[in-house]
PDB file of N, CA and C in Angstrom:
ATOM      1  N   UNK A   1     133.577 -39.176  83.959  1.00  0.00           N
ATOM      2  CA  UNK A   1     134.645 -38.830  84.875  1.00  0.00           C
ATOM      3  C   UNK A   1     135.871 -39.683  84.564  1.00  0.00           C
ATOM      4  N   UNK A   2     137.032 -39.084  84.646  1.00  0.00           N
ATOM      5  CA  UNK A   2     138.287 -39.782  84.350  1.00  0.00           C
ATOM      6  C   UNK A   2     138.670 -40.687  85.513  1.00  0.00           C
ATOM      7  N   UNK A   3     138.977 -41.915  85.233  1.00  0.00           N
ATOM      8  CA  UNK A   3     139.336 -42.895  86.259  1.00  0.00           C
ATOM      9  C   UNK A   3     140.822 -42.806  86.587  1.00  0.00           C
ATOM     10  N   UNK A   4     141.205 -42.962  87.872  1.00  0.00           N
ATOM     11  CA  UNK A   4     142.623 -42.901  88.238  1.00  0.00           C
ATOM     12  C   UNK A   4     143.348 -44.221  88.021  1.00  0.00           C
ATOM     13  N   UNK A   5     142.829 -45.074  87.145  1.00  0.00           N
ATOM     14  CA  UNK A   5     143.469 -46.369  86.893  1.00  0.00           C
ATOM     15  C   UNK A   5     144.335 -46.297  85.647  1.00  0.00           C
ATOM     16  N   UNK A   6     145.357 -47.133  85.639  1.00  0.00           N
ATOM     17  CA  UNK A   6     146.202 -47.244  84.446  1.00  0.00           C
ATOM     18  C   UNK A   6     145.420 -47.995  83.374  1.00  0.00           C
ATOM     19  N   UNK A   7     145.944 -48.002  82.175  1.00  0.00           N
ATOM     20  CA  UNK A   7     145.264 -48.688  81.083  1.00  0.00           C
ATOM     21  C   UNK A   7     145.177 -50.189  81.334  1.00  0.00           C
ATOM     22  N   UNK A   8     146.103 -50.741  82.115  1.00  0.00           N
ATOM     23  CA  UNK A   8     146.099 -52.178  82.368  1.00  0.00           C
ATOM     24  C   UNK A   8     145.015 -52.586  83.362  1.00  0.00           C
ATOM     25  N   UNK A   9     144.359 -51.602  83.970  1.00  0.00           N
ATOM     26  CA  UNK A   9     143.326 -51.915  84.930  1.00  0.00           C
ATOM     27  C   UNK A   9     143.829 -51.930  86.368  1.00  0.00           C
ATOM     28  N   UNK A  10     145.133 -51.841  86.583  1.00  0.00           N
ATOM     29  CA  UNK A  10     145.701 -51.822  87.932  1.00  0.00           C
ATOM     30  C   UNK A  10     145.529 -50.432  88.534  1.00  0.00           C
ATOM     31  N   UNK A  11     145.208 -50.343  89.827  1.00  0.00           N
ATOM     32  CA  UNK A  11     145.103 -49.025  90.455  1.00  0.00           C
ATOM     33  C   UNK A  11     146.463 -48.354  90.577  1.00  0.00           C
ATOM     34  N   UNK A  12     146.434 -47.054  90.582  1.00  0.00           N
ATOM     35  CA  UNK A  12     147.692 -46.304  90.734  1.00  0.00           C
ATOM     36  C   UNK A  12     148.240 -46.534  92.126  1.00  0.00           C
ATOM     37  N   UNK A  13     149.546 -46.592  92.243  1.00  0.00           N
ATOM     38  CA  UNK A  13     150.159 -46.713  93.561  1.00  0.00           C
ATOM     39  C   UNK A  13     151.247 -45.666  93.755  1.00  0.00           C
ATOM     40  N   UNK A  14     151.269 -44.668  92.911  1.00  0.00           N
ATOM     41  CA  UNK A  14     152.257 -43.593  93.018  1.00  0.00           C
ATOM     42  C   UNK A  14     151.511 -42.301  93.289  1.00  0.00           C
ATOM     43  N   UNK A  15     151.679 -41.747  94.474  1.00  0.00           N
ATOM     44  CA  UNK A  15     151.003 -40.532  94.867  1.00  0.00           C
ATOM     45  C   UNK A  15     152.049 -39.503  95.286  1.00  0.00           C
ATOM     46  N   UNK A  16     152.564 -38.721  94.332  1.00  0.00           N
ATOM     47  CA  UNK A  16     153.656 -37.788  94.656  1.00  0.00           C
ATOM     48  C   UNK A  16     153.269 -36.730  95.692  1.00  0.00           C
ATOM     49  N   UNK A  17     151.986 -36.402  95.821  1.00  0.00           N
ATOM     50  CA  UNK A  17     151.581 -35.388  96.797  1.00  0.00           C
ATOM     51  C   UNK A  17     151.863 -35.848  98.225  1.00  0.00           C
ATOM     52  N   UNK A  18     151.962 -37.145  98.444  1.00  0.00           N
ATOM     53  CA  UNK A  18     152.281 -37.653  99.775  1.00  0.00           C
ATOM     54  C   UNK A  18     153.723 -37.346 100.174  1.00  0.00           C
ATOM     55  N   UNK A  19     154.552 -37.033  99.197  1.00  0.00           N
ATOM     56  CA  UNK A  19     155.956 -36.752  99.463  1.00  0.00           C
ATOM     57  C   UNK A  19     156.243 -35.255  99.553  1.00  0.00           C
ATOM     58  N   UNK A  20     155.225 -34.417  99.446  1.00  0.00           N
ATOM     59  CA  UNK A  20     155.436 -32.972  99.424  1.00  0.00           C
ATOM     60  C   UNK A  20     156.106 -32.456 100.695  1.00  0.00           C
ATOM     61  N   UNK A  21     155.671 -32.915 101.856  1.00  0.00           N
ATOM     62  CA  UNK A  21     156.241 -32.429 103.118  1.00  0.00           C
ATOM     63  C   UNK A  21     157.722 -32.796 103.207  1.00  0.00           C
ATOM     64  N   UNK A  22     158.066 -34.033 102.865  1.00  0.00           N
ATOM     65  CA  UNK A  22     159.464 -34.463 102.905  1.00  0.00           C
ATOM     66  C   UNK A  22     160.295 -33.694 101.878  1.00  0.00           C
ATOM     67  N   UNK A  23     159.727 -33.450 100.706  1.00  0.00           N
ATOM     68  CA  UNK A  23     160.436 -32.696  99.669  1.00  0.00           C
ATOM     69  C   UNK A  23     160.664 -31.260 100.124  1.00  0.00           C
ATOM     70  N   UNK A  24     159.664 -30.652 100.744  1.00  0.00           N
ATOM     71  CA  UNK A  24     159.803 -29.281 101.239  1.00  0.00           C
ATOM     72  C   UNK A  24     160.870 -29.205 102.333  1.00  0.00           C
ATOM     73  N   UNK A  25     160.893 -30.166 103.226  1.00  0.00           N
ATOM     74  CA  UNK A  25     161.894 -30.198 104.289  1.00  0.00           C
ATOM     75  C   UNK A  25     163.298 -30.331 103.713  1.00  0.00           C
ATOM     76  N   UNK A  26     163.458 -31.206 102.737  1.00  0.00           N
ATOM     77  CA  UNK A  26     164.769 -31.383 102.088  1.00  0.00           C
ATOM     78  C   UNK A  26     165.184 -30.109 101.360  1.00  0.00           C
ATOM     79  N   UNK A  27     164.255 -29.492 100.667  1.00  0.00           N
ATOM     80  CA  UNK A  27     164.557 -28.265  99.930  1.00  0.00           C
ATOM     81  C   UNK A  27     165.007 -27.159 100.882  1.00  0.00           C
ATOM     82  N   UNK A  28     164.311 -26.999 102.015  1.00  0.00           N
ATOM     83  CA  UNK A  28     164.701 -25.982 102.993  1.00  0.00           C
ATOM     84  C   UNK A  28     166.092 -26.253 103.553  1.00  0.00           C
ATOM     85  N   UNK A  29     166.398 -27.517 103.823  1.00  0.00           N
ATOM     86  CA  UNK A  29     167.710 -27.883 104.350  1.00  0.00           C
ATOM     87  C   UNK A  29     168.811 -27.539 103.333  1.00  0.00           C
ATOM     88  N   UNK A  30     168.568 -27.831 102.066  1.00  0.00           N
ATOM     89  CA  UNK A  30     169.562 -27.546 101.026  1.00  0.00           C
ATOM     90  C   UNK A  30     169.725 -26.050 100.799  1.00  0.00           C
ATOM     91  N   UNK A  31     168.627 -25.313 100.817  1.00  0.00           N
ATOM     92  CA  UNK A  31     168.696 -23.850 100.659  1.00  0.00           C
ATOM     93  C   UNK A  31     169.458 -23.240 101.826  1.00  0.00           C
ATOM     94  N   UNK A  32     169.182 -23.733 103.039  1.00  0.00           N
ATOM     95  CA  UNK A  32     169.882 -23.222 104.216  1.00  0.00           C
ATOM     96  C   UNK A  32     171.387 -23.443 104.091  1.00  0.00           C
ATOM     97  N   UNK A  33     171.794 -24.586 103.558  1.00  0.00           N
ATOM     98  CA  UNK A  33     173.223 -24.863 103.376  1.00  0.00           C
ATOM     99  C   UNK A  33     173.831 -23.955 102.301  1.00  0.00           C
ATOM    100  N   UNK A  34     173.107 -23.736 101.229  1.00  0.00           N
ATOM    101  CA  UNK A  34     173.610 -22.901 100.126  1.00  0.00           C
ATOM    102  C   UNK A  34     173.785 -21.452 100.576  1.00  0.00           C
ATOM    103  N   UNK A  35     172.835 -20.931 101.344  1.00  0.00           N
ATOM    104  CA  UNK A  35     172.829 -19.521 101.730  1.00  0.00           C
ATOM    105  C   UNK A  35     173.272 -19.292 103.178  1.00  0.00           C
ATOM    106  N   UNK A  36     174.076 -20.197 103.729  1.00  0.00           N
ATOM    107  CA  UNK A  36     174.434 -20.067 105.147  1.00  0.00           C
ATOM    108  C   UNK A  36     175.166 -18.766 105.443  1.00  0.00           C
ATOM    109  N   UNK A  37     176.033 -18.303 104.554  1.00  0.00           N
ATOM    110  CA  UNK A  37     176.758 -17.052 104.792  1.00  0.00           C
ATOM    111  C   UNK A  37     175.818 -15.846 104.682  1.00  0.00           C
ATOM    112  N   UNK A  38     174.912 -15.897 103.723  1.00  0.00           N
ATOM    113  CA  UNK A  38     173.944 -14.810 103.572  1.00  0.00           C
ATOM    114  C   UNK A  38     173.004 -14.752 104.772  1.00  0.00           C
ATOM    115  N   UNK A  39     172.568 -15.919 105.261  1.00  0.00           N
ATOM    116  CA  UNK A  39     171.701 -15.954 106.427  1.00  0.00           C
ATOM    117  C   UNK A  39     172.427 -15.424 107.662  1.00  0.00           C
ATOM    118  N   UNK A  40     173.707 -15.743 107.785  1.00  0.00           N
ATOM    119  CA  UNK A  40     174.487 -15.238 108.929  1.00  0.00           C
ATOM    120  C   UNK A  40     174.573 -13.710 108.862  1.00  0.00           C
ATOM    121  N   UNK A  41     174.791 -13.170 107.663  1.00  0.00           N
ATOM    122  CA  UNK A  41     174.848 -11.717 107.500  1.00  0.00           C
ATOM    123  C   UNK A  41     173.505 -11.080 107.830  1.00  0.00           C
ATOM    124  N   UNK A  42     172.421 -11.680 107.336  1.00  0.00           N
ATOM    125  CA  UNK A  42     171.089 -11.153 107.630  1.00  0.00           C
ATOM    126  C   UNK A  42     170.822 -11.204 109.129  1.00  0.00           C
ATOM    127  N   UNK A  43     171.229 -12.290 109.776  1.00  0.00           N
ATOM    128  CA  UNK A  43     171.035 -12.401 111.228  1.00  0.00           C
ATOM    129  C   UNK A  43     171.808 -11.310 111.970  1.00  0.00           C
ATOM    130  N   UNK A  44     173.017 -10.994 111.507  1.00  0.00           N
ATOM    131  CA  UNK A  44     173.783  -9.903 112.114  1.00  0.00           C
ATOM    132  C   UNK A  44     173.074  -8.568 111.926  1.00  0.00           C
ATOM    133  N   UNK A  45     172.536  -8.341 110.735  1.00  0.00           N
ATOM    134  CA  UNK A  45     171.792  -7.102 110.466  1.00  0.00           C
ATOM    135  C   UNK A  45     170.545  -7.026 111.342  1.00  0.00           C
ATOM    136  N   UNK A  46     169.864  -8.156 111.513  1.00  0.00           N
ATOM    137  CA  UNK A  46     168.676  -8.182 112.364  1.00  0.00           C
ATOM    138  C   UNK A  46     169.035  -7.874 113.817  1.00  0.00           C
ATOM    139  N   UNK A  47     170.146  -8.422 114.282  1.00  0.00           N
ATOM    140  CA  UNK A  47     170.571  -8.159 115.655  1.00  0.00           C
ATOM    141  C   UNK A  47     170.877  -6.678 115.846  1.00  0.00           C
ATOM    142  N   UNK A  48     171.559  -6.076 114.869  1.00  0.00           N
ATOM    143  CA  UNK A  48     171.874  -4.653 114.943  1.00  0.00           C
ATOM    144  C   UNK A  48     170.603  -3.804 114.914  1.00  0.00           C
ATOM    145  N   UNK A  49     169.692  -4.134 114.011  1.00  0.00           N
ATOM    146  CA  UNK A  49     168.439  -3.376 113.912  1.00  0.00           C
ATOM    147  C   UNK A  49     167.606  -3.535 115.184  1.00  0.00           C
ATOM    148  N   UNK A  50     167.565  -4.743 115.732  1.00  0.00           N
ATOM    149  CA  UNK A  50     166.810  -4.959 116.971  1.00  0.00           C
ATOM    150  C   UNK A  50     167.409  -4.150 118.122  1.00  0.00           C
ATOM    151  N   UNK A  51     168.713  -4.102 118.198  1.00  0.00           N
ATOM    152  CA  UNK A  51     169.382  -3.304 119.232  1.00  0.00           C
ATOM    153  C   UNK A  51     169.025  -1.835 119.086  1.00  0.00           C
ATOM    154  N   UNK A  52     169.055  -1.349 117.830  1.00  0.00           N
ATOM    155  CA  UNK A  52     168.741   0.056 117.584  1.00  0.00           C
ATOM    156  C   UNK A  52     167.291   0.368 117.955  1.00  0.00           C
ATOM    157  N   UNK A  53     166.365  -0.500 117.568  1.00  0.00           N
ATOM    158  CA  UNK A  53     164.954  -0.279 117.894  1.00  0.00           C
ATOM    159  C   UNK A  53     164.757  -0.294 119.406  1.00  0.00           C
ATOM    160  N   UNK A  54     165.418  -1.228 120.084  1.00  0.00           N
ATOM    161  CA  UNK A  54     165.304  -1.293 121.539  1.00  0.00           C
ATOM    162  C   UNK A  54     165.869  -0.031 122.198  1.00  0.00           C
ATOM    163  N   UNK A  55     167.012   0.413 121.708  1.00  0.00           N
ATOM    164  CA  UNK A  55     167.638   1.615 122.257  1.00  0.00           C
ATOM    165  C   UNK A  55     166.749   2.841 122.030  1.00  0.00           C
ATOM    166  N   UNK A  56     166.232   2.990 120.810  1.00  0.00           N
ATOM    167  CA  UNK A  56     165.378   4.134 120.506  1.00  0.00           C
ATOM    168  C   UNK A  56     164.052   4.065 121.249  1.00  0.00           C
ATOM    169  N   UNK A  57     163.588   2.836 121.522  1.00  0.00           N
ATOM    170  CA  UNK A  57     162.338   2.675 122.251  1.00  0.00           C
ATOM    171  C   UNK A  57     162.429   3.145 123.687  1.00  0.00           C
ATOM    172  N   UNK A  58     163.644   3.167 124.228  1.00  0.00           N
ATOM    173  CA  UNK A  58     163.836   3.626 125.609  1.00  0.00           C
ATOM    174  C   UNK A  58     163.954   5.147 125.709  1.00  0.00           C
ATOM    175  N   UNK A  59     164.108   5.811 124.576  1.00  0.00           N
ATOM    176  CA  UNK A  59     164.272   7.269 124.576  1.00  0.00           C
ATOM    177  C   UNK A  59     162.957   7.951 124.219  1.00  0.00           C
ATOM    178  N   UNK A  60     162.661   8.982 124.938  1.00  0.00           N
ATOM    179  CA  UNK A  60     161.466   9.773 124.599  1.00  0.00           C
ATOM    180  C   UNK A  60     161.807  10.632 123.382  1.00  0.00           C
ATOM    181  N   UNK A  61     160.992  10.538 122.306  1.00  0.00           N
ATOM    182  CA  UNK A  61     161.287  11.317 121.109  1.00  0.00           C
ATOM    183  C   UNK A  61     161.287  12.816 121.383  1.00  0.00           C
ATOM    184  N   UNK A  62     162.321  13.510 120.903  1.00  0.00           N
ATOM    185  CA  UNK A  62     162.434  14.958 121.108  1.00  0.00           C
ATOM    186  C   UNK A  62     161.712  15.729 120.005  1.00  0.00           C
ATOM    187  N   UNK A  63     161.262  15.033 119.004  1.00  0.00           N
ATOM    188  CA  UNK A  63     160.579  15.706 117.907  1.00  0.00           C
ATOM    189  C   UNK A  63     160.158  14.699 116.850  1.00  0.00           C
ATOM    190  N   UNK A  64     159.523  15.215 115.824  1.00  0.00           N
ATOM    191  CA  UNK A  64     158.992  14.355 114.761  1.00  0.00           C
ATOM    192  C   UNK A  64     160.103  13.603 114.034  1.00  0.00           C
ATOM    193  N   UNK A  65     161.281  14.210 113.914  1.00  0.00           N
ATOM    194  CA  UNK A  65     162.398  13.527 113.257  1.00  0.00           C
ATOM    195  C   UNK A  65     162.790  12.259 114.006  1.00  0.00           C
ATOM    196  N   UNK A  66     162.767  12.317 115.313  1.00  0.00           N
ATOM    197  CA  UNK A  66     163.127  11.141 116.107  1.00  0.00           C
ATOM    198  C   UNK A  66     162.057  10.049 116.006  1.00  0.00           C
ATOM    199  N   UNK A  67     160.804  10.472 115.929  1.00  0.00           N
ATOM    200  CA  UNK A  67     159.718   9.510 115.732  1.00  0.00           C
ATOM    201  C   UNK A  67     159.881   8.837 114.371  1.00  0.00           C
ATOM    202  N   UNK A  68     160.168   9.632 113.344  1.00  0.00           N
ATOM    203  CA  UNK A  68     160.362   9.091 112.001  1.00  0.00           C
ATOM    204  C   UNK A  68     161.563   8.143 111.964  1.00  0.00           C
ATOM    205  N   UNK A  69     162.643   8.497 112.661  1.00  0.00           N
ATOM    206  CA  UNK A  69     163.829   7.650 112.677  1.00  0.00           C
ATOM    207  C   UNK A  69     163.515   6.310 113.346  1.00  0.00           C
ATOM    208  N   UNK A  70     162.759   6.355 114.428  1.00  0.00           N
ATOM    209  CA  UNK A  70     162.389   5.114 115.115  1.00  0.00           C
ATOM    210  C   UNK A  70     161.502   4.251 114.211  1.00  0.00           C
ATOM    211  N   UNK A  71     160.554   4.878 113.523  1.00  0.00           N
ATOM    212  CA  UNK A  71     159.680   4.135 112.619  1.00  0.00           C
ATOM    213  C   UNK A  71     160.469   3.521 111.463  1.00  0.00           C
ATOM    214  N   UNK A  72     161.399   4.278 110.902  1.00  0.00           N
ATOM    215  CA  UNK A  72     162.235   3.742 109.828  1.00  0.00           C
ATOM    216  C   UNK A  72     163.111   2.595 110.314  1.00  0.00           C
ATOM    217  N   UNK A  73     163.571   2.677 111.546  1.00  0.00           N
ATOM    218  CA  UNK A  73     164.368   1.589 112.119  1.00  0.00           C
ATOM    219  C   UNK A  73     163.536   0.317 112.234  1.00  0.00           C
ATOM    220  N   UNK A  74     162.287   0.468 112.616  1.00  0.00           N
ATOM    221  CA  UNK A  74     161.404  -0.704 112.686  1.00  0.00           C
ATOM    222  C   UNK A  74     161.200  -1.305 111.294  1.00  0.00           C
ATOM    223  N   UNK A  75     161.020  -0.446 110.288  1.00  0.00           N
ATOM    224  CA  UNK A  75     160.890  -0.934 108.916  1.00  0.00           C
ATOM    225  C   UNK A  75     162.173  -1.605 108.451  1.00  0.00           C
ATOM    226  N   UNK A  76     163.307  -1.038 108.839  1.00  0.00           N
ATOM    227  CA  UNK A  76     164.600  -1.623 108.456  1.00  0.00           C
ATOM    228  C   UNK A  76     164.766  -2.999 109.082  1.00  0.00           C
ATOM    229  N   UNK A  77     164.150  -3.239 110.217  1.00  0.00           N
ATOM    230  CA  UNK A  77     164.185  -4.560 110.836  1.00  0.00           C
ATOM    231  C   UNK A  77     163.270  -5.520 110.082  1.00  0.00           C
ATOM    232  N   UNK A  78     162.099  -5.063 109.688  1.00  0.00           N
ATOM    233  CA  UNK A  78     161.102  -5.934 109.057  1.00  0.00           C
ATOM    234  C   UNK A  78     161.569  -6.452 107.697  1.00  0.00           C
ATOM    235  N   UNK A  79     162.255  -5.623 106.921  1.00  0.00           N
ATOM    236  CA  UNK A  79     162.637  -6.044 105.573  1.00  0.00           C
ATOM    237  C   UNK A  79     163.582  -7.237 105.565  1.00  0.00           C
ATOM    238  N   UNK A  80     164.730  -7.203 106.278  1.00  0.00           N
ATOM    239  CA  UNK A  80     165.599  -8.396 106.233  1.00  0.00           C
ATOM    240  C   UNK A  80     164.945  -9.617 106.873  1.00  0.00           C
ATOM    241  N   UNK A  81     164.072  -9.398 107.855  1.00  0.00           N
ATOM    242  CA  UNK A  81     163.367 -10.514 108.474  1.00  0.00           C
ATOM    243  C   UNK A  81     162.511 -11.238 107.432  1.00  0.00           C
ATOM    244  N   UNK A  82     161.746 -10.484 106.662  1.00  0.00           N
ATOM    245  CA  UNK A  82     160.910 -11.075 105.616  1.00  0.00           C
ATOM    246  C   UNK A  82     161.755 -11.604 104.453  1.00  0.00           C
ATOM    247  N   UNK A  83     162.849 -10.911 104.135  1.00  0.00           N
ATOM    248  CA  UNK A  83     163.716 -11.364 103.048  1.00  0.00           C
ATOM    249  C   UNK A  83     164.331 -12.719 103.377  1.00  0.00           C
ATOM    250  N   UNK A  84     164.721 -12.909 104.621  1.00  0.00           N
ATOM    251  CA  UNK A  84     165.308 -14.187 105.040  1.00  0.00           C
ATOM    252  C   UNK A  84     164.305 -15.320 104.848  1.00  0.00           C
ATOM    253  N   UNK A  85     163.049 -15.081 105.234  1.00  0.00           N
ATOM    254  CA  UNK A  85     162.014 -16.098 105.038  1.00  0.00           C
ATOM    255  C   UNK A  85     161.786 -16.376 103.554  1.00  0.00           C
ATOM    256  N   UNK A  86     161.796 -15.321 102.740  1.00  0.00           N
ATOM    257  CA  UNK A  86     161.579 -15.505 101.305  1.00  0.00           C
ATOM    258  C   UNK A  86     162.689 -16.349 100.681  1.00  0.00           C
ATOM    259  N   UNK A  87     163.926 -16.120 101.099  1.00  0.00           N
ATOM    260  CA  UNK A  87     165.042 -16.915 100.591  1.00  0.00           C
ATOM    261  C   UNK A  87     164.904 -18.358 101.054  1.00  0.00           C
ATOM    262  N   UNK A  88     164.634 -18.556 102.329  1.00  0.00           N
ATOM    263  CA  UNK A  88     164.540 -19.907 102.891  1.00  0.00           C
ATOM    264  C   UNK A  88     163.401 -20.714 102.269  1.00  0.00           C
ATOM    265  N   UNK A  89     162.326 -20.025 101.916  1.00  0.00           N
ATOM    266  CA  UNK A  89     161.174 -20.708 101.337  1.00  0.00           C
ATOM    267  C   UNK A  89     161.215 -20.724  99.810  1.00  0.00           C
ATOM    268  N   UNK A  90     162.284 -20.170  99.243  1.00  0.00           N
ATOM    269  CA  UNK A  90     162.456 -20.124  97.790  1.00  0.00           C
ATOM    270  C   UNK A  90     161.282 -19.412  97.122  1.00  0.00           C
ATOM    271  N   UNK A  91     160.861 -18.300  97.731  1.00  0.00           N
ATOM    272  CA  UNK A  91     159.790 -17.483  97.159  1.00  0.00           C
ATOM    273  C   UNK A  91     160.421 -16.329  96.384  1.00  0.00           C
ATOM    274  N   UNK A  92     159.886 -16.004  95.234  1.00  0.00           N
ATOM    275  CA  UNK A  92     160.458 -14.909  94.440  1.00  0.00           C
ATOM    276  C   UNK A  92     160.071 -13.529  94.952  1.00  0.00           C
ATOM    277  N   UNK A  93     159.205 -13.454  95.958  1.00  0.00           N
ATOM    278  CA  UNK A  93     158.732 -12.179  96.461  1.00  0.00           C
ATOM    279  C   UNK A  93     158.645 -12.234  97.972  1.00  0.00           C
ATOM    280  N   UNK A  94     158.776 -11.072  98.613  1.00  0.00           N
ATOM    281  CA  UNK A  94     158.623 -11.039 100.064  1.00  0.00           C
ATOM    282  C   UNK A  94     157.206 -10.647 100.468  1.00  0.00           C
ATOM    283  N   UNK A  95     156.307 -10.540  99.478  1.00  0.00           N
ATOM    284  CA  UNK A  95     154.926 -10.224  99.777  1.00  0.00           C
ATOM    285  C   UNK A  95     154.342 -11.395 100.559  1.00  0.00           C
ATOM    286  N   UNK A  96     153.664 -11.104 101.660  1.00  0.00           N
ATOM    287  CA  UNK A  96     153.112 -12.156 102.518  1.00  0.00           C
ATOM    288  C   UNK A  96     152.065 -12.966 101.791  1.00  0.00           C
ATOM    289  N   UNK A  97     152.017 -14.235 102.171  1.00  0.00           N
ATOM    290  CA  UNK A  97     150.984 -15.127 101.653  1.00  0.00           C
ATOM    291  C   UNK A  97     149.937 -15.301 102.738  1.00  0.00           C
ATOM    292  N   UNK A  98     149.030 -14.357 102.872  1.00  0.00           N
ATOM    293  CA  UNK A  98     148.001 -14.448 103.924  1.00  0.00           C
ATOM    294  C   UNK A  98     146.654 -14.686 103.350  1.00  0.00           C
TER     295      UNK A  98
END
């Protein structure tokens, strides 16, 4: 088994994995600053989509087209919501990590 000691016999005292949480927090803060205008635009789109879904949810569908429109509106809300998270987390895909 490989020993975690340096060649001099001294134990290692550098554990970069202990800094992962702080590094992730810093990275998110910097990404948020870089994409602040894009995030504001996405938030506006989310507000508009949420309003539309709420408005359509109060109306009884008059036919299949209205049901489809309401469903598409819900999908239109989900995409920018997931895209915003993907940008903030610096993920190349919006596919969920479950």
